[in-house]
C-alpha atoms as a PDB file:
ATOM      1  CA  MET A   1     -31.728  -7.672 -26.438  1.00  0.00           C
ATOM      2  CA  THR A   2     -33.181 -10.316 -24.163  1.00  0.00           C
ATOM      3  CA  ILE A   3     -34.302 -10.909 -20.627  1.00  0.00           C
ATOM      4  CA  VAL A   4     -32.842 -13.880 -18.771  1.00  0.00           C
ATOM      5  CA  VAL A   5     -34.671 -15.353 -15.789  1.00  0.00           C
ATOM      6  CA  GLY A   6     -33.531 -18.003 -13.358  1.00  0.00           C
ATOM      7  CA  PHE A   7     -36.302 -20.476 -12.590  1.00  0.00           C
ATOM      8  CA  VAL A   8     -36.660 -23.146  -9.923  1.00  0.00           C
ATOM      9  CA  PRO A   9     -40.033 -24.660  -9.021  1.00  0.00           C
ATOM     10  CA  THR A  10     -40.464 -22.642  -5.810  1.00  0.00           C
ATOM     11  CA  LYS A  11     -42.563 -19.609  -4.933  1.00  0.00           C
ATOM     12  CA  GLU A  12     -39.475 -17.414  -5.482  1.00  0.00           C
ATOM     13  CA  GLY A  13     -38.816 -18.992  -8.873  1.00  0.00           C
ATOM     14  CA  ARG A  14     -42.433 -18.543  -9.949  1.00  0.00           C
ATOM     15  CA  ALA A  15     -42.398 -14.899  -8.806  1.00  0.00           C
ATOM     16  CA  ALA A  16     -39.230 -14.270 -10.837  1.00  0.00           C
ATOM     17  CA  LEU A  17     -40.720 -15.928 -13.917  1.00  0.00           C
ATOM     18  CA  HIS A  18     -43.972 -13.975 -13.701  1.00  0.00           C
ATOM     19  CA  ARG A  19     -42.092 -10.683 -13.328  1.00  0.00           C
ATOM     20  CA  ALA A  20     -39.757 -11.572 -16.214  1.00  0.00           C
ATOM     21  CA  ILE A  21     -42.782 -12.296 -18.409  1.00  0.00           C
ATOM     22  CA  GLU A  22     -44.215  -8.860 -17.537  1.00  0.00           C
ATOM     23  CA  GLU A  23     -40.869  -7.224 -18.368  1.00  0.00           C
ATOM     24  CA  ALA A  24     -40.543  -9.114 -21.672  1.00  0.00           C
ATOM     25  CA  ARG A  25     -44.093  -8.216 -22.658  1.00  0.00           C
ATOM     26  CA  GLY A  26     -43.612  -4.541 -21.745  1.00  0.00           C
ATOM     27  CA  ARG A  27     -40.270  -4.284 -23.543  1.00  0.00           C
ATOM     28  CA  SER A  28     -41.287  -6.462 -26.520  1.00  0.00           C
ATOM     29  CA  THR A  29     -38.137  -8.509 -26.068  1.00  0.00           C
ATOM     30  CA  PRO A  30     -37.419 -12.265 -26.018  1.00  0.00           C
ATOM     31  CA  LEU A  31     -37.283 -14.145 -22.734  1.00  0.00           C
ATOM     32  CA  VAL A  32     -34.772 -16.894 -21.940  1.00  0.00           C
ATOM     33  CA  VAL A  33     -35.826 -19.060 -18.991  1.00  0.00           C
ATOM     34  CA  ILE A  34     -32.976 -20.929 -17.295  1.00  0.00           C
ATOM     35  CA  ASN A  35     -33.481 -23.878 -14.970  1.00  0.00           C
ATOM     36  CA  SER A  36     -29.959 -24.607 -13.735  1.00  0.00           C
ATOM     37  CA  ASN A  37     -28.988 -27.515 -11.547  1.00  0.00           C
ATOM     38  CA  ARG A  38     -25.540 -28.781 -10.611  1.00  0.00           C
ATOM     39  CA  GLY A  39     -26.771 -32.351 -10.762  1.00  0.00           C
ATOM     40  CA  SER A  40     -26.439 -34.863  -7.925  1.00  0.00           C
ATOM     41  CA  ARG A  41     -28.210 -37.839  -6.459  1.00  0.00           C
ATOM     42  CA  ASP A  42     -31.090 -35.504  -5.575  1.00  0.00           C
ATOM     43  CA  PHE A  43     -31.542 -34.471  -9.222  1.00  0.00           C
ATOM     44  CA  ASP A  44     -32.868 -37.576 -10.927  1.00  0.00           C
ATOM     45  CA  ASP A  45     -34.917 -38.129 -14.083  1.00  0.00           C
ATOM     46  CA  GLU A  46     -38.185 -37.622 -12.202  1.00  0.00           C
ATOM     47  CA  THR A  47     -37.049 -34.281 -10.733  1.00  0.00           C
ATOM     48  CA  SER A  48     -35.912 -33.176 -14.183  1.00  0.00           C
ATOM     49  CA  ARG A  49     -39.205 -34.243 -15.758  1.00  0.00           C
ATOM     50  CA  LEU A  50     -41.252 -32.388 -13.125  1.00  0.00           C
ATOM     51  CA  ALA A  51     -39.233 -29.184 -13.588  1.00  0.00           C
ATOM     52  CA  GLU A  52     -39.608 -29.415 -17.383  1.00  0.00           C
ATOM     53  CA  GLU A  53     -43.348 -30.062 -17.080  1.00  0.00           C
ATOM     54  CA  GLU A  54     -43.875 -27.079 -14.787  1.00  0.00           C
ATOM     55  CA  LEU A  55     -41.833 -24.832 -17.077  1.00  0.00           C
ATOM     56  CA  ARG A  56     -43.860 -25.963 -20.071  1.00  0.00           C
ATOM     57  CA  GLU A  57     -47.116 -25.221 -18.244  1.00  0.00           C
ATOM     58  CA  LEU A  58     -45.948 -21.798 -17.051  1.00  0.00           C
ATOM     59  CA  THR A  59     -44.657 -20.712 -20.447  1.00  0.00           C
ATOM     60  CA  SER A  60     -47.270 -22.292 -22.735  1.00  0.00           C
ATOM     61  CA  GLY A  61     -49.405 -19.738 -24.431  1.00  0.00           C
ATOM     62  CA  LEU A  62     -46.870 -16.934 -24.098  1.00  0.00           C
ATOM     63  CA  GLY A  63     -46.201 -17.001 -27.840  1.00  0.00           C
ATOM     64  CA  ALA A  64     -49.868 -16.199 -28.420  1.00  0.00           C
ATOM     65  CA  GLU A  65     -49.453 -13.237 -26.054  1.00  0.00           C
ATOM     66  CA  GLY A  66     -46.536 -11.923 -28.075  1.00  0.00           C
ATOM     67  CA  VAL A  67     -43.739 -13.109 -25.782  1.00  0.00           C
ATOM     68  CA  GLN A  68     -40.994 -15.100 -27.481  1.00  0.00           C
ATOM     69  CA  VAL A  69     -39.741 -17.681 -24.951  1.00  0.00           C
ATOM     70  CA  GLU A  70     -36.778 -20.027 -24.999  1.00  0.00           C
ATOM     71  CA  VAL A  71     -36.470 -22.527 -22.132  1.00  0.00           C
ATOM     72  CA  ARG A  72     -33.120 -24.075 -21.242  1.00  0.00           C
ATOM     73  CA  GLN A  73     -32.662 -26.730 -18.618  1.00  0.00           C
ATOM     74  CA  LEU A  74     -28.956 -26.849 -17.761  1.00  0.00           C
ATOM     75  CA  VAL A  75     -27.350 -29.634 -15.742  1.00  0.00           C
ATOM     76  CA  ARG A  76     -23.640 -29.042 -16.305  1.00  0.00           C
ATOM     77  CA  GLY A  77     -22.173 -29.055 -12.821  1.00  0.00           C
ATOM     78  CA  ASN A  78     -22.113 -25.244 -12.655  1.00  0.00           C
ATOM     79  CA  GLU A  79     -23.551 -23.070  -9.951  1.00  0.00           C
ATOM     80  CA  PRO A  80     -26.804 -21.409 -11.107  1.00  0.00           C
ATOM     81  CA  ALA A  81     -25.073 -18.010 -10.952  1.00  0.00           C
ATOM     82  CA  GLU A  82     -22.455 -19.185 -13.462  1.00  0.00           C
ATOM     83  CA  ASP A  83     -25.117 -20.435 -15.870  1.00  0.00           C
ATOM     84  CA  LEU A  84     -27.226 -17.258 -15.641  1.00  0.00           C
ATOM     85  CA  ILE A  85     -24.222 -14.986 -16.174  1.00  0.00           C
ATOM     86  CA  ALA A  86     -22.980 -17.109 -19.091  1.00  0.00           C
ATOM     87  CA  VAL A  87     -26.377 -17.034 -20.811  1.00  0.00           C
ATOM     88  CA  ALA A  88     -26.708 -13.295 -20.175  1.00  0.00           C
ATOM     89  CA  ASN A  89     -23.336 -12.758 -21.874  1.00  0.00           C
ATOM     90  CA  GLU A  90     -24.207 -15.126 -24.724  1.00  0.00           C
ATOM     91  CA  THR A  91     -27.557 -13.450 -25.456  1.00  0.00           C
ATOM     92  CA  ASP A  92     -26.395  -9.876 -24.784  1.00  0.00           C
ATOM     93  CA  ALA A  93     -29.126  -9.602 -22.152  1.00  0.00           C
ATOM     94  CA  ASP A  94     -30.529  -6.287 -20.968  1.00  0.00           C
ATOM     95  CA  LEU A  95     -31.857  -7.725 -17.726  1.00  0.00           C
ATOM     96  CA  ILE A  96     -31.535 -10.754 -15.453  1.00  0.00           C
ATOM     97  CA  VAL A  97     -34.486 -11.526 -13.175  1.00  0.00           C
ATOM     98  CA  ILE A  98     -33.943 -13.663 -10.076  1.00  0.00           C
ATOM     99  CA  GLY A  99     -36.068 -14.695  -7.124  1.00  0.00           C
ATOM    100  CA  LEU A 100     -34.786 -14.131  -3.603  1.00  0.00           C
ATOM    101  CA  ARG A 101     -35.410 -16.159  -0.501  1.00  0.00           C
ATOM    102  CA  ARG A 102     -34.678 -15.072   3.033  1.00  0.00           C
ATOM    103  CA  ARG A 103     -31.446 -16.496   4.431  1.00  0.00           C
ATOM    104  CA  THR A 104     -29.734 -16.058   7.745  1.00  0.00           C
ATOM    105  CA  PRO A 105     -26.388 -14.231   7.823  1.00  0.00           C
ATOM    106  CA  VAL A 106     -24.670 -17.486   8.825  1.00  0.00           C
ATOM    107  CA  GLY A 107     -26.381 -19.316   5.959  1.00  0.00           C
ATOM    108  CA  LYS A 108     -25.044 -16.740   3.514  1.00  0.00           C
ATOM    109  CA  LEU A 109     -21.538 -17.043   4.930  1.00  0.00           C
ATOM    110  CA  ILE A 110     -21.366 -20.834   4.891  1.00  0.00           C
ATOM    111  CA  LEU A 111     -23.207 -21.592   1.681  1.00  0.00           C
ATOM    112  CA  GLY A 112     -22.389 -18.546  -0.411  1.00  0.00           C
ATOM    113  CA  SER A 113     -25.052 -16.777  -2.351  1.00  0.00           C
ATOM    114  CA  ASN A 114     -25.931 -17.211  -6.016  1.00  0.00           C
ATOM    115  CA  ALA A 115     -27.981 -14.035  -5.841  1.00  0.00           C
ATOM    116  CA  GLN A 116     -25.027 -12.053  -4.522  1.00  0.00           C
ATOM    117  CA  ARG A 117     -22.748 -13.429  -7.230  1.00  0.00           C
ATOM    118  CA  ILE A 118     -25.261 -12.524  -9.935  1.00  0.00           C
ATOM    119  CA  LEU A 119     -25.727  -9.028  -8.513  1.00  0.00           C
ATOM    120  CA  LEU A 120     -21.976  -8.441  -8.438  1.00  0.00           C
ATOM    121  CA  ASP A 121     -20.885 -10.142 -11.677  1.00  0.00           C
ATOM    122  CA  ALA A 122     -23.820  -9.693 -14.071  1.00  0.00           C
ATOM    123  CA  PRO A 123     -23.061  -7.906 -17.355  1.00  0.00           C
ATOM    124  CA  CYS A 124     -26.421  -6.116 -17.197  1.00  0.00           C
ATOM    125  CA  ALA A 125     -29.081  -4.860 -14.797  1.00  0.00           C
ATOM    126  CA  VAL A 126     -30.493  -7.361 -12.290  1.00  0.00           C
ATOM    127  CA  LEU A 127     -34.046  -7.360 -10.956  1.00  0.00           C
ATOM    128  CA  ALA A 128     -34.449  -9.310  -7.722  1.00  0.00           C
ATOM    129  CA  VAL A 129     -37.976 -10.283  -6.685  1.00  0.00           C
ATOM    130  CA  LYS A 130     -39.345 -11.749  -3.478  1.00  0.00           C
ATOM    131  CA  GLY A 131     -41.576 -14.822  -3.510  1.00  0.00           C
END
């Protein structure tokens, strides 16, 4: 039993992480934090380092609070939805926590929606939080 949370260094990502920590603490279950990126020219070593640093800061001290945390930074060319669903299957997750941002209907149509894919294809319950 685990909780999987998708994290990006945005207000929505931070809200999802904080809620996932609360859920993990309340359920006494491990937390797997996923920072997924497809990789591109925009995702360089500095961007990766900053994301890792922020994750380390946000999750440091959780072990002392009784929350077992595993952080995975994935840059495999997958969509974030694919990575979250794969990790949820791998860890037999009870819950996936994601952050939502407001998008226009046209934006959803053209770009697709990782949140929608997770909601439809997840092997477990999904908790969506606003930023």
